[in-house]
Amino acid sequence: MGDIDFLDEDIVKCILKLDVNDLKYEYDLETIIIIKDFLNSIYVSNLSDTQLKIFEMYRKGETQQYIADVLGCSRQAIINHLDKIVKKMINTYEKEYSEKHYYLNVIKGKYKKCSKCGEIKLLQYFHKKGGGRYQSKCKHCINKK
């Protein structure tokens, strides 16, 4: 199987309808794991309660019209929600992918502990000070003021 483009909205919409239990007959284990991980990323994509309900009904194979009827809104509203869900999933995947790529291929595991929040983070989350050094607080803690 070729690479799956998890950044393509049309492909993601198709993936949302996949029953991963049926994939074992068509794809290798690694591909199935990647698809399952991608689908699980929905739970860290900051969906609203309504979007999560729509996602779960859509995954079960419910039609857009049925979901609209259950939630008391228009079919177009469901289409708009699905588009937003797909975009959030892509953004979450893109962030995770770029971080893993950066970690594995660019800085190869260089990290430091933030003096404020105490979390150990990749160096990309700290501002450079010069001379190959980095600030003691991560970017998130500095911007949190």
C-alpha atoms as a PDB file:
ATOM      1  CA  MET A   1       0.000   0.000   0.000  1.00  0.00           C
ATOM      2  CA  GLY A   2       1.251   3.503  -0.778  1.00  0.00           C
ATOM      3  CA  ASP A   3       1.531   6.265   1.764  1.00  0.00           C
ATOM      4  CA  ILE A   4      -1.717   7.676   3.110  1.00  0.00           C
ATOM      5  CA  ASP A   5      -1.902  11.456   2.930  1.00  0.00           C
ATOM      6  CA  PHE A   6      -3.393  12.388   6.298  1.00  0.00           C
ATOM      7  CA  LEU A   7      -3.200  16.056   5.302  1.00  0.00           C
ATOM      8  CA  ASP A   8      -5.717  15.678   2.459  1.00  0.00           C
ATOM      9  CA  GLU A   9      -9.256  16.554   3.633  1.00  0.00           C
ATOM     10  CA  ASP A  10     -10.972  14.233   1.142  1.00  0.00           C
ATOM     11  CA  ILE A  11      -8.845  11.273   2.228  1.00  0.00           C
ATOM     12  CA  VAL A  12      -9.460  12.051   5.900  1.00  0.00           C
ATOM     13  CA  LYS A  13     -13.230  12.117   5.290  1.00  0.00           C
ATOM     14  CA  CYS A  14     -12.947   8.621   3.783  1.00  0.00           C
ATOM     15  CA  ILE A  15     -10.803   7.406   6.671  1.00  0.00           C
ATOM     16  CA  LEU A  16     -13.440   8.583   9.159  1.00  0.00           C
ATOM     17  CA  LYS A  17     -15.864   6.024   7.749  1.00  0.00           C
ATOM     18  CA  LEU A  18     -13.431   3.094   7.845  1.00  0.00           C
ATOM     19  CA  ASP A  19     -14.131   0.204  10.151  1.00  0.00           C
ATOM     20  CA  VAL A  20     -10.617  -0.633  11.295  1.00  0.00           C
ATOM     21  CA  ASN A  21     -11.686  -4.177  12.184  1.00  0.00           C
ATOM     22  CA  ASP A  22     -12.283  -4.853   8.477  1.00  0.00           C
ATOM     23  CA  LEU A  23      -8.847  -3.513   7.483  1.00  0.00           C
ATOM     24  CA  LYS A  24      -7.000  -6.623   8.672  1.00  0.00           C
ATOM     25  CA  TYR A  25      -8.011  -8.366   5.478  1.00  0.00           C
ATOM     26  CA  GLU A  26      -6.751  -5.619   3.167  1.00  0.00           C
ATOM     27  CA  TYR A  27      -3.760  -3.936   4.818  1.00  0.00           C
ATOM     28  CA  ASP A  28      -0.620  -4.790   6.732  1.00  0.00           C
ATOM     29  CA  LEU A  29      -0.485  -4.380  10.513  1.00  0.00           C
ATOM     30  CA  GLU A  30       1.648  -1.220  10.391  1.00  0.00           C
ATOM     31  CA  THR A  31      -0.885   0.553   8.145  1.00  0.00           C
ATOM     32  CA  ILE A  32      -3.758  -0.485  10.408  1.00  0.00           C
ATOM     33  CA  ILE A  33      -1.913   0.860  13.473  1.00  0.00           C
ATOM     34  CA  ILE A  34      -1.228   4.171  11.715  1.00  0.00           C
ATOM     35  CA  ILE A  35      -4.902   4.532  10.757  1.00  0.00           C
ATOM     36  CA  LYS A  36      -6.042   3.651  14.303  1.00  0.00           C
ATOM     37  CA  ASP A  37      -3.603   6.180  15.775  1.00  0.00           C
ATOM     38  CA  PHE A  38      -4.860   8.817  13.375  1.00  0.00           C
ATOM     39  CA  LEU A  39      -8.486   8.120  14.283  1.00  0.00           C
ATOM     40  CA  ASN A  40      -7.636   8.220  17.990  1.00  0.00           C
ATOM     41  CA  SER A  41      -6.069  11.658  17.516  1.00  0.00           C
ATOM     42  CA  ILE A  42      -9.623  12.996  17.398  1.00  0.00           C
ATOM     43  CA  TYR A  43      -9.769  12.783  21.181  1.00  0.00           C
ATOM     44  CA  VAL A  44      -6.917  15.288  21.549  1.00  0.00           C
ATOM     45  CA  SER A  45      -8.164  17.597  18.808  1.00  0.00           C
ATOM     46  CA  ASN A  46     -10.176  19.872  21.130  1.00  0.00           C
ATOM     47  CA  LEU A  47     -13.571  19.090  19.667  1.00  0.00           C
ATOM     48  CA  SER A  48     -16.705  20.613  21.124  1.00  0.00           C
ATOM     49  CA  ASP A  49     -19.230  18.220  22.669  1.00  0.00           C
ATOM     50  CA  THR A  50     -21.434  18.637  19.592  1.00  0.00           C
ATOM     51  CA  GLN A  51     -18.553  17.881  17.224  1.00  0.00           C
ATOM     52  CA  LEU A  52     -17.641  14.780  19.232  1.00  0.00           C
ATOM     53  CA  LYS A  53     -21.260  13.523  19.022  1.00  0.00           C
ATOM     54  CA  ILE A  54     -21.286  14.166  15.277  1.00  0.00           C
ATOM     55  CA  PHE A  55     -17.940  12.398  14.855  1.00  0.00           C
ATOM     56  CA  GLU A  56     -19.111   9.331  16.768  1.00  0.00           C
ATOM     57  CA  MET A  57     -22.401   9.071  14.859  1.00  0.00           C
ATOM     58  CA  TYR A  58     -20.618   9.608  11.531  1.00  0.00           C
ATOM     59  CA  ARG A  59     -18.091   6.880  12.407  1.00  0.00           C
ATOM     60  CA  LYS A  60     -20.980   4.499  13.089  1.00  0.00           C
ATOM     61  CA  GLY A  61     -22.170   5.049   9.520  1.00  0.00           C
ATOM     62  CA  GLU A  62     -25.058   7.397  10.211  1.00  0.00           C
ATOM     63  CA  THR A  63     -25.990   9.721   7.348  1.00  0.00           C
ATOM     64  CA  GLN A  64     -25.540  13.466   7.575  1.00  0.00           C
ATOM     65  CA  GLN A  65     -29.323  13.919   7.382  1.00  0.00           C
ATOM     66  CA  TYR A  66     -29.922  11.438  10.206  1.00  0.00           C
ATOM     67  CA  ILE A  67     -27.343  13.219  12.405  1.00  0.00           C
ATOM     68  CA  ALA A  68     -28.985  16.561  11.593  1.00  0.00           C
ATOM     69  CA  ASP A  69     -32.411  15.191  12.543  1.00  0.00           C
ATOM     70  CA  VAL A  70     -31.122  13.762  15.836  1.00  0.00           C
ATOM     71  CA  LEU A  71     -29.366  17.007  16.769  1.00  0.00           C
ATOM     72  CA  GLY A  72     -32.164  19.240  15.510  1.00  0.00           C
ATOM     73  CA  CYS A  73     -30.168  21.183  12.968  1.00  0.00           C
ATOM     74  CA  SER A  74     -29.724  21.362   9.201  1.00  0.00           C
ATOM     75  CA  ARG A  75     -27.762  18.912   7.074  1.00  0.00           C
ATOM     76  CA  GLN A  76     -25.560  21.846   6.018  1.00  0.00           C
ATOM     77  CA  ALA A  77     -24.679  22.489   9.676  1.00  0.00           C
ATOM     78  CA  ILE A  78     -23.541  18.861   9.974  1.00  0.00           C
ATOM     79  CA  ILE A  79     -21.450  19.201   6.797  1.00  0.00           C
ATOM     80  CA  ASN A  80     -19.841  22.351   8.245  1.00  0.00           C
ATOM     81  CA  HIS A  81     -19.130  20.566  11.545  1.00  0.00           C
ATOM     82  CA  LEU A  82     -17.592  17.606   9.702  1.00  0.00           C
ATOM     83  CA  ASP A  83     -15.352  19.973   7.750  1.00  0.00           C
ATOM     84  CA  LYS A  84     -14.206  21.570  11.024  1.00  0.00           C
ATOM     85  CA  ILE A  85     -13.633  18.134  12.590  1.00  0.00           C
ATOM     86  CA  VAL A  86     -11.490  17.074   9.632  1.00  0.00           C
ATOM     87  CA  LYS A  87      -9.454  20.296   9.800  1.00  0.00           C
ATOM     88  CA  LYS A  88      -8.878  19.849  13.540  1.00  0.00           C
ATOM     89  CA  MET A  89      -7.765  16.246  13.004  1.00  0.00           C
ATOM     90  CA  ILE A  90      -5.376  17.310  10.244  1.00  0.00           C
ATOM     91  CA  ASN A  91      -3.943  20.109  12.413  1.00  0.00           C
ATOM     92  CA  THR A  92      -3.449  17.701  15.319  1.00  0.00           C
ATOM     93  CA  TYR A  93      -1.812  15.123  13.072  1.00  0.00           C
ATOM     94  CA  GLU A  94       0.365  17.727  11.384  1.00  0.00           C
ATOM     95  CA  LYS A  95       1.576  19.042  14.741  1.00  0.00           C
ATOM     96  CA  GLU A  96       2.348  15.551  16.043  1.00  0.00           C
ATOM     97  CA  TYR A  97       3.988  14.488  12.780  1.00  0.00           C
ATOM     98  CA  SER A  98       6.169  17.573  12.513  1.00  0.00           C
ATOM     99  CA  GLU A  99       7.207  17.253  16.147  1.00  0.00           C
ATOM    100  CA  LYS A 100       8.116  13.576  15.734  1.00  0.00           C
ATOM    101  CA  HIS A 101       9.934  14.309  12.466  1.00  0.00           C
ATOM    102  CA  TYR A 102      11.846  17.148  14.103  1.00  0.00           C
ATOM    103  CA  TYR A 103      12.655  15.020  17.140  1.00  0.00           C
ATOM    104  CA  LEU A 104      13.786  11.992  15.143  1.00  0.00           C
ATOM    105  CA  ASN A 105      15.562  13.667  12.240  1.00  0.00           C
ATOM    106  CA  VAL A 106      16.715  17.149  13.196  1.00  0.00           C
ATOM    107  CA  ILE A 107      17.608  17.457  16.858  1.00  0.00           C
ATOM    108  CA  LYS A 108      17.761  13.735  17.578  1.00  0.00           C
ATOM    109  CA  GLY A 109      16.410  13.939  21.087  1.00  0.00           C
ATOM    110  CA  LYS A 110      17.921  17.136  22.498  1.00  0.00           C
ATOM    111  CA  TYR A 111      15.684  18.388  25.240  1.00  0.00           C
ATOM    112  CA  LYS A 112      15.669  20.415  28.432  1.00  0.00           C
ATOM    113  CA  LYS A 113      13.541  20.881  31.532  1.00  0.00           C
ATOM    114  CA  CYS A 114      11.511  24.075  31.896  1.00  0.00           C
ATOM    115  CA  SER A 115      12.363  25.866  35.134  1.00  0.00           C
ATOM    116  CA  LYS A 116       8.765  27.101  35.524  1.00  0.00           C
ATOM    117  CA  CYS A 117       6.420  24.206  34.633  1.00  0.00           C
ATOM    118  CA  GLY A 118       8.973  21.453  35.238  1.00  0.00           C
ATOM    119  CA  GLU A 119       8.132  19.626  32.002  1.00  0.00           C
ATOM    120  CA  ILE A 120      10.878  18.118  29.895  1.00  0.00           C
ATOM    121  CA  LYS A 121      10.442  19.381  26.343  1.00  0.00           C
ATOM    122  CA  LEU A 122      12.216  19.356  23.013  1.00  0.00           C
ATOM    123  CA  LEU A 123      14.596  22.269  22.491  1.00  0.00           C
ATOM    124  CA  GLN A 124      12.261  23.670  19.847  1.00  0.00           C
ATOM    125  CA  TYR A 125      10.021  24.753  22.747  1.00  0.00           C
ATOM    126  CA  PHE A 126      12.696  27.066  24.178  1.00  0.00           C
ATOM    127  CA  HIS A 127      14.031  30.361  22.815  1.00  0.00           C
ATOM    128  CA  LYS A 128      17.737  30.454  21.966  1.00  0.00           C
ATOM    129  CA  LYS A 129      19.869  32.791  24.045  1.00  0.00           C
ATOM    130  CA  GLY A 130      23.026  32.649  21.974  1.00  0.00           C
ATOM    131  CA  GLY A 131      26.222  30.685  22.259  1.00  0.00           C
ATOM    132  CA  GLY A 132      24.240  27.465  21.797  1.00  0.00           C
ATOM    133  CA  ARG A 133      22.296  28.066  25.014  1.00  0.00           C
ATOM    134  CA  TYR A 134      18.553  28.225  25.590  1.00  0.00           C
ATOM    135  CA  GLN A 135      16.321  30.144  27.994  1.00  0.00           C
ATOM    136  CA  SER A 136      15.382  28.316  31.182  1.00  0.00           C
ATOM    137  CA  LYS A 137      11.604  28.740  30.669  1.00  0.00           C
ATOM    138  CA  CYS A 138       9.773  27.160  27.731  1.00  0.00           C
ATOM    139  CA  LYS A 139       7.987  29.334  25.158  1.00  0.00           C
ATOM    140  CA  HIS A 140       4.598  28.331  26.559  1.00  0.00           C
ATOM    141  CA  CYS A 141       5.459  29.503  30.089  1.00  0.00           C
ATOM    142  CA  ILE A 142       6.980  32.747  28.804  1.00  0.00           C
ATOM    143  CA  ASN A 143       3.874  33.527  26.709  1.00  0.00           C
ATOM    144  CA  LYS A 144       1.505  32.546  29.544  1.00  0.00           C
ATOM    145  CA  LYS A 145       2.127  35.721  31.602  1.00  0.00           C
END
